């Protein structure tokens, strides 16, 4: 069966794809599985982890209690995986590795979205700061407790690199030197980076319109939106606004994915790469949009930033979230005996601040709110 996996990858994957049999391996040696590749096992370990399940109740833009329709970290993660697999298969990359990185890329996120990350980064400034990519690595290397022989999930080097070197408009790079020796990450990691951008840009548009924080009139100023809307209105005269919105979002995603695949294929032909090691030595990102689509995307992203992410209702929740997290952190650090036993046992190893930071980062929105009530409301049962 192991031979079959190797034969399959050699036959169907491009020379520059990351083959599972070329993995740098795991920190703790394990026998290979009979019929699953190393990256398929990584994917399965992520799906069965507690951190993955908690993504269901972690904020994307809208806090969980604001409604059942809006994206959460979990639904966003699944959307990234779907888009990334499509791109990977079109480029003949290792879709198992791409899916595994996609499913793991947000495991280090805090409750309350980027407001939570900003709060912990400020609080931990003198203790190494906080970054959700670096935290994701801590989750899979140390904090998940599922096996008797080693801490964490013991994932492959390439999957761990994909977590640390994942980047987007919101991300700050971590400082894990182990993964910065190579100039560029794998093409599989690069695909997940762009799929993440495509997912949150377009689905945040969807959620923003549904919430009423974005108005269609805001978007009609944008050439790309206007062009797609005109095409759809010409083809479908009597569809509801919800269906029309869905068709526009769908078209936006399709345009970007199609352009990305075409442009990346052009880049690959010019570079004539023969192996994944040549990808790492390339010195520049290979998976990218054309200049034309980058220009068309920019106004949409500007609208999201100015009209949605900085909307006063979103800002109120963000500021409130920072206050919750700051006050929780101070209570736990000043009285660590209030922490659960599994957190207390990490204090001698990591220090009380990092142990508390790990604990808060792992919370869901509703768990953090419940803890806040228990600690600060004298009438709330503990």
Protein backbone atom coordinates (compact mmCIF):
# COMPACT_ATOMS: atom_id res chain seq x y z
CA UNK A 1 0.00 0.00 0.00
CA UNK A 2 2.88 2.39 0.75
CA UNK A 3 4.20 1.72 -2.76
CA UNK A 4 0.75 2.52 -4.19
CA UNK A 5 0.75 5.93 -2.48
CA UNK A 6 4.18 6.74 -3.90
CA UNK A 7 3.19 5.56 -7.37
CA UNK A 8 0.02 7.66 -7.26
CA UNK A 9 1.88 10.83 -6.25
CA UNK A 10 4.58 10.30 -8.88
CA UNK A 11 1.97 9.75 -11.57
CA UNK A 12 -0.54 12.50 -10.81
CA UNK A 13 1.35 15.27 -8.98
CA UNK A 14 3.56 17.84 -10.67
CA UNK A 15 7.36 17.63 -10.20
CA UNK A 16 7.27 20.77 -8.01
CA UNK A 17 4.50 19.42 -5.72
CA UNK A 18 5.39 18.32 -2.20
CA UNK A 19 5.29 14.52 -2.20
CA UNK A 20 4.44 12.86 1.10
CA UNK A 21 7.38 10.46 0.80
CA UNK A 22 9.75 13.48 0.75
CA UNK A 23 8.52 14.75 4.13
CA UNK A 24 11.12 15.81 6.67
CA UNK A 25 9.10 13.67 9.05
CA UNK A 26 7.76 14.13 12.57
CA UNK A 27 9.48 15.27 15.75
CA UNK A 28 8.64 11.92 17.36
CA UNK A 29 9.25 8.97 15.08
CA UNK A 30 6.23 6.85 14.17
CA UNK A 31 5.67 3.96 11.80
CA UNK A 32 3.92 5.00 8.58
CA UNK A 33 0.29 4.01 8.14
CA UNK A 34 -0.54 1.16 5.76
CA UNK A 35 -2.93 3.04 3.48
CA UNK A 36 -2.89 6.73 4.49
CA UNK A 37 -0.14 9.14 3.46
CA UNK A 38 1.64 11.25 6.08
CA UNK A 39 -0.41 14.32 5.12
CA UNK A 40 -3.71 12.43 5.22
CA UNK A 41 -2.85 11.41 8.79
CA UNK A 42 -2.07 15.05 9.61
CA UNK A 43 -5.47 16.08 8.27
CA UNK A 44 -7.26 13.44 10.33
CA UNK A 45 -5.43 14.38 13.53
CA UNK A 46 -6.43 18.01 13.07
CA UNK A 47 -10.09 17.18 12.46
CA UNK A 48 -10.23 15.08 15.65
CA UNK A 49 -8.49 17.71 17.82
CA UNK A 50 -10.25 19.75 20.51
CA UNK A 51 -8.84 22.98 19.05
CA UNK A 52 -10.53 22.26 15.71
CA UNK A 53 -13.92 21.66 17.35
CA UNK A 54 -13.65 24.93 19.27
CA UNK A 55 -13.45 26.88 15.99
CA UNK A 56 -17.23 26.44 15.73
CA UNK A 57 -17.73 29.04 18.46
CA UNK A 58 -14.91 31.46 17.65
CA UNK A 59 -15.58 34.78 15.92
CA UNK A 60 -14.80 35.47 12.28
CA UNK A 61 -16.29 39.00 12.15
CA UNK A 62 -19.58 38.61 14.01
CA UNK A 63 -19.66 37.20 17.53
CA UNK A 64 -21.52 33.88 17.78
CA UNK A 65 -24.55 35.20 19.68
CA UNK A 66 -25.31 37.77 16.95
CA UNK A 67 -26.93 35.11 14.76
CA UNK A 68 -26.67 31.61 13.34
CA UNK A 69 -26.15 32.76 9.73
CA UNK A 70 -22.75 34.39 10.08
CA UNK A 71 -19.42 32.69 9.47
CA UNK A 72 -17.46 31.33 12.38
CA UNK A 73 -13.80 30.31 12.39
CA UNK A 74 -14.93 26.75 11.61
CA UNK A 75 -17.10 27.55 8.61
CA UNK A 76 -14.42 29.92 7.34
CA UNK A 77 -11.83 27.15 7.70
CA UNK A 78 -13.98 24.73 5.69
CA UNK A 79 -14.49 27.33 2.97
CA UNK A 80 -10.73 27.90 2.76
CA UNK A 81 -10.16 24.14 2.46
CA UNK A 82 -12.70 23.86 -0.37
CA UNK A 83 -11.21 26.74 -2.37
CA UNK A 84 -7.63 25.62 -1.70
CA UNK A 85 -8.27 22.03 -2.81
CA UNK A 86 -9.76 23.27 -6.09
CA UNK A 87 -6.68 25.39 -6.77
CA UNK A 88 -4.27 22.61 -5.72
CA UNK A 89 -5.89 20.02 -7.96
CA UNK A 90 -5.85 22.38 -10.96
CA UNK A 91 -2.12 23.02 -10.37
CA UNK A 92 -1.41 19.31 -9.69
CA UNK A 93 -0.16 20.04 -6.17
CA UNK A 94 -0.56 17.81 -3.13
CA UNK A 95 -4.19 18.44 -2.21
CA UNK A 96 -3.86 16.34 0.98
CA UNK A 97 -1.20 18.70 2.32
CA UNK A 98 -3.19 21.73 1.15
CA UNK A 99 -6.31 20.47 2.93
CA UNK A 100 -4.38 19.73 6.13
CA UNK A 101 -2.79 23.21 6.20
CA UNK A 102 -6.19 24.80 5.46
CA UNK A 103 -7.87 22.97 8.33
CA UNK A 104 -5.03 23.89 10.72
CA UNK A 105 -4.38 27.47 9.67
CA UNK A 106 -6.64 29.11 12.29
CA UNK A 107 -6.16 26.72 15.24
CA UNK A 108 -4.23 29.40 17.13
CA UNK A 109 -6.93 32.05 16.87
CA UNK A 110 -8.33 33.62 20.02
CA UNK A 111 -11.96 34.25 20.93
CA UNK A 112 -13.42 37.46 19.47
CA UNK A 113 -11.38 37.34 16.27
CA UNK A 114 -8.51 39.73 15.65
CA UNK A 115 -9.55 41.92 18.58
CA UNK A 116 -8.67 39.02 20.88
CA UNK A 117 -5.32 38.52 19.17
CA UNK A 118 -4.49 42.22 19.43
CA UNK A 119 -5.39 42.24 23.13
CA UNK A 120 -3.16 39.26 23.95
CA UNK A 121 -0.32 40.65 21.82
CA UNK A 122 -0.42 43.91 23.81
CA UNK A 123 -0.64 42.12 27.16
CA UNK A 124 2.23 39.75 26.30
CA UNK A 125 4.45 42.41 24.69
CA UNK A 126 7.22 41.94 27.28
CA UNK A 127 6.87 38.15 27.25
CA UNK A 128 7.32 37.44 23.56
CA UNK A 129 4.00 38.82 22.29
CA UNK A 130 1.20 36.80 20.74
CA UNK A 131 0.66 35.73 17.13
CA UNK A 132 -2.01 33.26 16.08
CA UNK A 133 0.30 31.46 13.64
CA UNK A 134 2.89 30.86 16.35
CA UNK A 135 0.06 29.93 18.73
CA UNK A 136 -1.24 27.42 16.21
CA UNK A 137 2.16 25.74 16.32
CA UNK A 138 2.03 25.64 20.14
CA UNK A 139 -1.40 24.03 19.91
CA UNK A 140 -0.31 21.21 17.61
CA UNK A 141 3.15 20.75 19.19
CA UNK A 142 2.34 21.07 22.90
CA UNK A 143 -1.17 21.92 24.04
CA UNK A 144 -3.26 19.18 22.45
CA UNK A 145 -3.13 16.10 24.72
CA UNK A 146 -4.25 13.02 22.81
CA UNK A 147 -1.37 10.54 22.80
CA UNK A 148 0.59 8.74 25.55
CA UNK A 149 3.97 8.84 23.80
CA UNK A 150 4.33 12.53 22.95
CA UNK A 151 2.75 15.95 23.50
CA UNK A 152 0.68 17.60 20.78
CA UNK A 153 -0.35 15.96 17.51
CA UNK A 154 3.16 15.15 16.20
CA UNK A 155 2.43 16.54 12.73
CA UNK A 156 4.81 16.52 9.77
CA UNK A 157 7.38 19.28 9.32
CA UNK A 158 5.65 20.56 6.17
CA UNK A 159 2.28 20.92 7.87
CA UNK A 160 3.89 22.74 10.78
CA UNK A 161 5.72 25.03 8.35
CA UNK A 162 2.37 25.73 6.67
CA UNK A 163 0.91 26.91 9.99
CA UNK A 164 3.84 29.17 10.90
CA UNK A 165 4.41 30.62 7.44
CA UNK A 166 0.76 31.17 6.66
CA UNK A 167 0.21 34.87 6.05
CA UNK A 168 -2.64 37.18 5.15
CA UNK A 169 -3.49 40.86 5.34
CA UNK A 170 -4.21 40.43 9.05
CA UNK A 171 -1.23 38.28 10.01
CA UNK A 172 2.12 39.03 11.57
CA UNK A 173 4.92 36.57 10.96
CA UNK A 174 6.18 34.49 13.84
CA UNK A 175 9.88 34.06 14.60
CA UNK A 176 10.28 30.28 14.47
CA UNK A 177 13.80 30.01 13.03
CA UNK A 178 13.30 26.34 12.25
CA UNK A 179 11.03 27.32 9.36
CA UNK A 180 12.82 30.42 8.05
CA UNK A 181 15.97 28.74 6.72
CA UNK A 182 14.27 28.20 3.37
CA UNK A 183 13.52 31.39 1.47
CA UNK A 184 10.05 30.33 0.37
CA UNK A 185 7.39 27.96 1.74
CA UNK A 186 5.96 25.12 -0.34
CA UNK A 187 3.53 25.89 -3.14
CA UNK A 188 0.90 24.14 -1.02
CA UNK A 189 1.36 26.74 1.75
CA UNK A 190 1.23 29.55 -0.81
CA UNK A 191 -2.09 28.19 -2.14
CA UNK A 192 -3.64 28.21 1.34
CA UNK A 193 -2.52 31.83 1.89
CA UNK A 194 -4.39 33.02 -1.19
CA UNK A 195 -7.40 30.75 -0.62
CA UNK A 196 -7.72 32.30 2.85
CA UNK A 197 -7.82 35.79 1.34
CA UNK A 198 -10.38 34.79 -1.28
CA UNK A 199 -12.59 33.15 1.36
CA UNK A 200 -12.63 35.93 3.93
CA UNK A 201 -12.90 38.77 1.39
CA UNK A 202 -15.92 37.35 -0.39
CA UNK A 203 -17.69 35.74 2.54
CA UNK A 204 -17.21 38.83 4.70
CA UNK A 205 -18.94 40.74 1.90
CA UNK A 206 -21.80 38.24 2.16
CA UNK A 207 -22.04 38.56 5.96
CA UNK A 208 -21.66 42.33 5.81
CA UNK A 209 -24.58 42.67 3.39
CA UNK A 210 -26.74 40.25 5.38
CA UNK A 211 -26.08 42.17 8.61
CA UNK A 212 -26.91 45.51 7.01
CA UNK A 213 -23.52 46.96 7.95
CA UNK A 214 -22.64 46.97 4.26
CA UNK A 215 -25.11 48.36 1.75
CA UNK A 216 -25.33 47.39 -1.89
CA UNK A 217 -25.02 51.07 -2.78
CA UNK A 218 -21.55 51.04 -1.16
CA UNK A 219 -20.48 48.28 -3.55
CA UNK A 220 -22.05 49.72 -6.68
CA UNK A 221 -19.21 52.25 -6.78
CA UNK A 222 -16.79 49.38 -7.51
CA UNK A 223 -16.15 48.39 -11.13
CA UNK A 224 -15.89 44.63 -10.56
CA UNK A 225 -19.06 44.44 -8.45
CA UNK A 226 -20.97 46.64 -10.93
CA UNK A 227 -19.89 44.53 -13.91
CA UNK A 228 -20.95 41.22 -12.30
CA UNK A 229 -24.23 42.69 -11.05
CA UNK A 230 -25.09 43.96 -14.54
CA UNK A 231 -24.36 40.56 -16.10
CA UNK A 232 -26.50 38.71 -13.55
CA UNK A 233 -29.37 41.22 -13.74
CA UNK A 234 -29.42 40.85 -17.53
CA UNK A 235 -29.58 37.04 -17.28
CA UNK A 236 -31.99 36.76 -14.31
CA UNK A 237 -34.72 39.40 -14.24
CA UNK A 238 -36.87 38.38 -11.28
CA UNK A 239 -34.57 36.72 -8.73
CA UNK A 240 -34.67 37.73 -5.07
CA UNK A 241 -31.97 39.94 -3.58
CA UNK A 242 -30.61 36.99 -1.56
CA UNK A 243 -30.16 34.83 -4.67
CA UNK A 244 -28.71 37.77 -6.59
CA UNK A 245 -26.21 38.39 -3.79
CA UNK A 246 -25.25 34.71 -3.76
CA UNK A 247 -24.68 34.72 -7.54
CA UNK A 248 -22.47 37.82 -7.30
CA UNK A 249 -20.35 36.37 -4.47
CA UNK A 250 -20.06 33.10 -6.38
CA UNK A 251 -18.91 34.96 -9.50
CA UNK A 252 -16.38 36.98 -7.52
CA UNK A 253 -14.82 33.80 -6.14
CA UNK A 254 -14.80 32.12 -9.55
CA UNK A 255 -13.11 35.09 -11.24
CA UNK A 256 -10.37 35.21 -8.62
CA UNK A 257 -9.74 31.45 -8.48
CA UNK A 258 -9.65 31.20 -12.30
CA UNK A 259 -7.22 34.11 -12.58
CA UNK A 260 -5.01 32.73 -9.81
CA UNK A 261 -4.72 29.33 -11.50
CA UNK A 262 -3.98 30.88 -14.89
CA UNK A 263 -1.37 33.32 -13.57
CA UNK A 264 0.32 30.69 -11.40
CA UNK A 265 0.52 28.28 -14.32
CA UNK A 266 2.20 31.02 -16.35
CA UNK A 267 4.68 31.64 -13.54
CA UNK A 268 5.47 27.92 -13.27
CA UNK A 269 6.08 27.61 -17.02
CA UNK A 270 8.50 30.55 -16.99
CA UNK A 271 10.42 29.20 -14.00
CA UNK A 272 10.47 25.60 -15.27
CA UNK A 273 10.79 24.19 -11.75
CA UNK A 274 11.83 20.55 -11.48
CA UNK A 275 11.25 19.85 -7.78
CA UNK A 276 9.86 21.21 -4.50
CA UNK A 277 13.42 22.14 -3.45
CA UNK A 278 13.63 24.54 -6.41
CA UNK A 279 10.39 26.15 -5.20
CA UNK A 280 12.03 26.89 -1.85
CA UNK A 281 15.09 28.41 -3.51
CA UNK A 282 13.01 30.52 -5.90
CA UNK A 283 13.08 33.64 -3.74
CA UNK A 284 9.59 34.90 -4.61
CA UNK A 285 5.94 33.94 -4.32
CA UNK A 286 4.80 31.86 -7.29
CA UNK A 287 1.09 31.47 -6.46
CA UNK A 288 -0.42 34.88 -7.16
CA UNK A 289 -3.04 36.89 -9.05
CA UNK A 290 -2.46 38.80 -12.27
CA UNK A 291 -1.85 42.53 -11.97
CA UNK A 292 -5.26 43.18 -13.55
CA UNK A 293 -7.18 41.19 -10.92
CA UNK A 294 -5.06 42.61 -8.09
CA UNK A 295 -6.15 46.06 -9.28
CA UNK A 296 -9.82 44.99 -9.41
CA UNK A 297 -9.68 43.40 -5.93
CA UNK A 298 -8.21 46.44 -4.19
CA UNK A 299 -11.38 48.61 -4.04
CA UNK A 300 -13.40 45.67 -2.66
CA UNK A 301 -10.85 45.11 0.10
CA UNK A 302 -10.81 48.84 0.88
CA UNK A 303 -14.60 48.82 1.24
CA UNK A 304 -14.43 45.89 3.67
CA UNK A 305 -11.88 47.69 5.79
CA UNK A 306 -13.59 51.08 5.86
CA UNK A 307 -17.26 50.05 5.90
CA UNK A 308 -17.29 46.68 7.72
CA UNK A 309 -14.23 46.06 9.88
CA UNK A 310 -14.28 49.69 11.11
CA UNK A 311 -18.05 49.95 11.40
CA UNK A 312 -18.97 51.36 14.80
CA UNK A 313 -20.88 48.21 15.81
CA UNK A 314 -17.91 45.97 14.98
CA UNK A 315 -15.55 48.40 16.74
CA UNK A 316 -17.73 48.42 19.86
CA UNK A 317 -17.61 44.64 20.08
CA UNK A 318 -13.86 44.65 19.43
CA UNK A 319 -13.17 47.15 22.20
CA UNK A 320 -15.48 45.27 24.56
CA UNK A 321 -13.69 42.01 23.70
CA UNK A 322 -10.29 43.52 24.46
CA UNK A 323 -11.59 44.63 27.86
CA UNK A 324 -12.96 41.14 28.62
CA UNK A 325 -9.67 39.50 27.73
CA UNK A 326 -7.53 42.01 29.61
CA UNK A 327 -9.58 41.63 32.79
CA UNK A 328 -9.65 37.84 32.55
CA UNK A 329 -5.88 37.78 32.08
CA UNK A 330 -5.23 39.97 35.13
CA UNK A 331 -7.49 37.91 37.39
CA UNK A 332 -5.86 34.63 36.38
CA UNK A 333 -2.29 35.93 36.66
CA UNK A 334 -2.91 37.50 40.06
CA UNK A 335 -4.75 34.42 41.37
CA UNK A 336 -3.58 31.39 39.36
CA UNK A 337 -5.23 29.03 41.85
CA UNK A 338 -8.47 29.84 39.99
CA UNK A 339 -7.14 28.15 36.86
CA UNK A 340 -8.09 24.56 35.97
CA UNK A 341 -5.51 21.89 36.97
CA UNK A 342 -4.38 21.24 33.38
CA UNK A 343 -3.45 24.94 33.05
CA UNK A 344 -1.79 25.14 36.46
CA UNK A 345 0.53 22.26 35.61
CA UNK A 346 2.02 24.27 32.72
CA UNK A 347 2.98 27.23 34.93
CA UNK A 348 6.34 25.74 36.10
CA UNK A 349 7.25 25.05 32.46
CA UNK A 350 5.98 28.18 30.66
CA UNK A 351 5.48 30.76 33.39
CA UNK A 352 2.13 31.99 34.62
CA UNK A 353 1.68 34.64 31.89
CA UNK A 354 2.20 32.24 28.98
CA UNK A 355 0.07 29.54 30.63
CA UNK A 356 -2.76 32.03 31.07
CA UNK A 357 -2.28 33.32 27.51
CA UNK A 358 -2.58 29.74 26.18
CA UNK A 359 -5.72 29.18 28.24
CA UNK A 360 -7.47 32.35 27.05
CA UNK A 361 -6.41 31.84 23.42
CA UNK A 362 -8.04 28.41 23.46
CA UNK A 363 -11.40 29.70 24.70
CA UNK A 364 -14.47 30.02 22.52
CA UNK A 365 -16.38 33.32 22.57
CA UNK A 366 -19.13 31.96 24.77
CA UNK A 367 -16.74 30.23 27.17
CA UNK A 368 -14.82 33.50 27.63
CA UNK A 369 -18.09 35.38 28.26
CA UNK A 370 -19.23 32.71 30.76
CA UNK A 371 -15.89 32.88 32.58
CA UNK A 372 -16.17 36.66 32.73
CA UNK A 373 -19.62 36.42 34.30
CA UNK A 374 -18.48 33.80 36.82
CA UNK A 375 -15.47 35.86 37.88
CA UNK A 376 -17.07 39.31 37.99
CA UNK A 377 -20.79 38.79 38.66
CA UNK A 378 -21.32 38.05 42.38
CA UNK A 379 -24.69 36.42 41.66
CA UNK A 380 -23.32 34.02 39.04
CA UNK A 381 -22.64 30.44 40.16
CA UNK A 382 -19.02 29.32 39.73
